Structure formats: C-alpha cells, structure tokens
Amino acid sequence: MVYFLLPYLSYESGMLKHPNGQPLHRLYIAKETGLSINSVDRILQKLKENQIISRNVTGQSVQYIMNPWLFMRGKRINKTLYEMFKNTRWAKVYDLRDKR
C-alpha cells in the first residue's frame, strides 16, 4: 500500500493528494487497488497505528499525511509536520542517528 500511496505524496506538506490538490480518499484507493473499502480501512488504520501516516479531519474532509521521518526529501520539514510526528518512534530513531 505504501508504494501505491507514494506518488500522491506532496513534497512540502506531506499530504496525500491528487495533482490537482484534492486530498486522496479511501474510496479512490479502493477503486484503484481493487481492494474492498474494509480492506483499505484496515490497512490505513494499521499504517496509522504504526505511525506511518496521520489521519486528520478538517470539516468534512479527511486528509492523510505521511510521516516526514520516513518519506520526505531534504533536511527540513515544516513546523506543523514536525509537531504532528515529533513523538513517533521514527523521529526518535532519526534523532539517535544524528547524535552518533
């Protein structure tokens, strides 16, 4: 699933979205992968539990955001992403590498 999601990763925001800026929805993921909605929901929930993605609800829109310690390029991430993922185990592994 991660390989399917990566082409939709926005470089600056970490959000999963279409080229036109619209958020990627689970119904679209199900249609394109051929999986059932329940399977997509289980996979997305597992990715969330493993701190790989974040699921954010804004009004009636659901946005999925990838953990920048796993899937961002460069050495800087914006403050919002940092705050969202700073306490994940992935951030801690990255920080340990920096201290060596």
C-alpha atoms as a PDB file:
ATOM      1  CA  MET A   1       0.000   0.000   0.000  1.00  0.00           C
ATOM      2  CA  VAL A   2       2.841   2.409   0.783  1.00  0.00           C
ATOM      3  CA  TYR A   3       4.177   2.027  -2.763  1.00  0.00           C
ATOM      4  CA  PHE A   4       0.738   2.876  -4.112  1.00  0.00           C
ATOM      5  CA  LEU A   5       0.490   5.979  -1.890  1.00  0.00           C
ATOM      6  CA  LEU A   6       3.947   7.465  -2.516  1.00  0.00           C
ATOM      7  CA  PRO A   7       3.210   9.048  -5.935  1.00  0.00           C
ATOM      8  CA  TYR A   8       0.473  11.088  -4.227  1.00  0.00           C
ATOM      9  CA  LEU A   9       2.820  12.497  -1.567  1.00  0.00           C
ATOM     10  CA  SER A  10       3.005  16.294  -1.635  1.00  0.00           C
ATOM     11  CA  TYR A  11       6.614  17.448  -1.393  1.00  0.00           C
ATOM     12  CA  GLU A  12       6.037  20.337   1.009  1.00  0.00           C
ATOM     13  CA  SER A  13       3.008  19.332   3.069  1.00  0.00           C
ATOM     14  CA  GLY A  14       3.406  15.558   3.331  1.00  0.00           C
ATOM     15  CA  MET A  15      -0.271  15.271   2.462  1.00  0.00           C
ATOM     16  CA  LEU A  16      -1.509  12.544   0.152  1.00  0.00           C
ATOM     17  CA  LYS A  17      -3.278  14.334  -2.682  1.00  0.00           C
ATOM     18  CA  HIS A  18      -4.006  14.292  -6.384  1.00  0.00           C
ATOM     19  CA  PRO A  19      -2.024  16.543  -8.767  1.00  0.00           C
ATOM     20  CA  ASN A  20      -4.988  18.963  -8.746  1.00  0.00           C
ATOM     21  CA  GLY A  21      -4.585  19.409  -4.963  1.00  0.00           C
ATOM     22  CA  GLN A  22      -7.612  17.369  -3.893  1.00  0.00           C
ATOM     23  CA  PRO A  23      -6.997  15.014  -0.949  1.00  0.00           C
ATOM     24  CA  LEU A  24      -6.652  11.314  -1.671  1.00  0.00           C
ATOM     25  CA  HIS A  25      -9.741   9.456  -0.420  1.00  0.00           C
ATOM     26  CA  ARG A  26     -10.092   5.870   0.673  1.00  0.00           C
ATOM     27  CA  LEU A  27     -12.770   5.238  -1.968  1.00  0.00           C
ATOM     28  CA  TYR A  28     -10.305   6.208  -4.683  1.00  0.00           C
ATOM     29  CA  ILE A  29      -7.639   3.981  -3.118  1.00  0.00           C
ATOM     30  CA  ALA A  30     -10.076   1.054  -3.069  1.00  0.00           C
ATOM     31  CA  LYS A  31     -11.091   1.603  -6.689  1.00  0.00           C
ATOM     32  CA  GLU A  32      -7.528   1.906  -7.985  1.00  0.00           C
ATOM     33  CA  THR A  33      -6.099  -1.007  -5.992  1.00  0.00           C
ATOM     34  CA  GLY A  34      -9.079  -3.327  -6.440  1.00  0.00           C
ATOM     35  CA  LEU A  35      -9.366  -3.772  -2.664  1.00  0.00           C
ATOM     36  CA  SER A  36     -12.582  -3.535  -0.700  1.00  0.00           C
ATOM     37  CA  ILE A  37     -13.286  -0.421   1.372  1.00  0.00           C
ATOM     38  CA  ASN A  38     -12.978  -2.542   4.525  1.00  0.00           C
ATOM     39  CA  SER A  39      -9.528  -3.753   3.456  1.00  0.00           C
ATOM     40  CA  VAL A  40      -8.381  -0.210   2.683  1.00  0.00           C
ATOM     41  CA  ASP A  41      -9.712   0.965   6.061  1.00  0.00           C
ATOM     42  CA  ARG A  42      -7.833  -1.827   7.861  1.00  0.00           C
ATOM     43  CA  ILE A  43      -4.603  -1.063   6.013  1.00  0.00           C
ATOM     44  CA  LEU A  44      -4.853   2.680   6.633  1.00  0.00           C
ATOM     45  CA  GLN A  45      -5.618   2.035  10.305  1.00  0.00           C
ATOM     46  CA  LYS A  46      -2.572  -0.238  10.578  1.00  0.00           C
ATOM     47  CA  LEU A  47      -0.379   2.424   8.935  1.00  0.00           C
ATOM     48  CA  LYS A  48      -1.745   4.939  11.433  1.00  0.00           C
ATOM     49  CA  GLU A  49      -1.106   2.608  14.390  1.00  0.00           C
ATOM     50  CA  ASN A  50       2.480   2.150  13.193  1.00  0.00           C
ATOM     51  CA  GLN A  51       2.919   5.933  12.985  1.00  0.00           C
ATOM     52  CA  ILE A  52       3.491   5.852   9.235  1.00  0.00           C
ATOM     53  CA  ILE A  53       0.553   8.103   8.393  1.00  0.00           C
ATOM     54  CA  SER A  54      -1.681  10.517  10.228  1.00  0.00           C
ATOM     55  CA  ARG A  55      -5.402  10.839   9.564  1.00  0.00           C
ATOM     56  CA  ASN A  56      -6.703  14.369  10.025  1.00  0.00           C
ATOM     57  CA  VAL A  57     -10.301  15.525   9.752  1.00  0.00           C
ATOM     58  CA  THR A  58     -10.894  19.118   8.676  1.00  0.00           C
ATOM     59  CA  GLY A  59     -14.582  19.920   8.411  1.00  0.00           C
ATOM     60  CA  GLN A  60     -15.961  17.187   6.201  1.00  0.00           C
ATOM     61  CA  SER A  61     -12.611  16.438   4.555  1.00  0.00           C
ATOM     62  CA  VAL A  62     -10.276  13.652   5.645  1.00  0.00           C
ATOM     63  CA  GLN A  63      -6.585  14.138   4.914  1.00  0.00           C
ATOM     64  CA  TYR A  64      -3.858  11.531   5.146  1.00  0.00           C
ATOM     65  CA  ILE A  65      -0.348  12.774   5.878  1.00  0.00           C
ATOM     66  CA  MET A  66       2.840  10.711   5.631  1.00  0.00           C
ATOM     67  CA  ASN A  67       5.423  10.697   8.409  1.00  0.00           C
ATOM     68  CA  PRO A  68       8.228  13.024   7.250  1.00  0.00           C
ATOM     69  CA  TRP A  69      10.904  10.993   9.024  1.00  0.00           C
ATOM     70  CA  LEU A  70      10.098   8.166   6.634  1.00  0.00           C
ATOM     71  CA  PHE A  71       9.030   9.773   3.364  1.00  0.00           C
ATOM     72  CA  MET A  72      10.270  13.333   2.934  1.00  0.00           C
ATOM     73  CA  ARG A  73      13.263  14.585   0.994  1.00  0.00           C
ATOM     74  CA  GLY A  74      15.787  17.095   2.287  1.00  0.00           C
ATOM     75  CA  LYS A  75      16.749  18.008   5.821  1.00  0.00           C
ATOM     76  CA  ARG A  76      13.898  20.361   6.693  1.00  0.00           C
ATOM     77  CA  ILE A  77      10.260  19.782   7.399  1.00  0.00           C
ATOM     78  CA  ASN A  78       7.675  22.407   8.190  1.00  0.00           C
ATOM     79  CA  LYS A  79       6.749  23.094  11.802  1.00  0.00           C
ATOM     80  CA  THR A  80       3.266  21.573  11.516  1.00  0.00           C
ATOM     81  CA  LEU A  81       4.640  18.245  10.271  1.00  0.00           C
ATOM     82  CA  TYR A  82       7.346  18.300  12.917  1.00  0.00           C
ATOM     83  CA  GLU A  83       4.799  18.829  15.694  1.00  0.00           C
ATOM     84  CA  MET A  84       2.498  16.163  14.269  1.00  0.00           C
ATOM     85  CA  PHE A  85       5.150  13.431  14.164  1.00  0.00           C
ATOM     86  CA  LYS A  86       7.854  14.503  16.676  1.00  0.00           C
ATOM     87  CA  ASN A  87       6.906  11.880  19.257  1.00  0.00           C
ATOM     88  CA  THR A  88       6.790   8.917  16.901  1.00  0.00           C
ATOM     89  CA  ARG A  89       9.302   6.135  17.194  1.00  0.00           C
ATOM     90  CA  TRP A  90      10.549   7.022  13.704  1.00  0.00           C
ATOM     91  CA  ALA A  91      11.531  10.534  14.810  1.00  0.00           C
ATOM     92  CA  LYS A  92      13.365   9.069  17.787  1.00  0.00           C
ATOM     93  CA  VAL A  93      15.363   6.693  15.554  1.00  0.00           C
ATOM     94  CA  TYR A  94      16.287   9.606  13.292  1.00  0.00           C
ATOM     95  CA  ASP A  95      17.374  11.722  16.286  1.00  0.00           C
ATOM     96  CA  LEU A  96      19.542   8.869  17.585  1.00  0.00           C
ATOM     97  CA  ARG A  97      21.336   8.664  14.232  1.00  0.00           C
ATOM     98  CA  ASP A  98      22.070  12.398  14.372  1.00  0.00           C
ATOM     99  CA  LYS A  99      23.702  12.070  17.815  1.00  0.00           C
ATOM    100  CA  ARG A 100      26.223   9.431  16.753  1.00  0.00           C
END
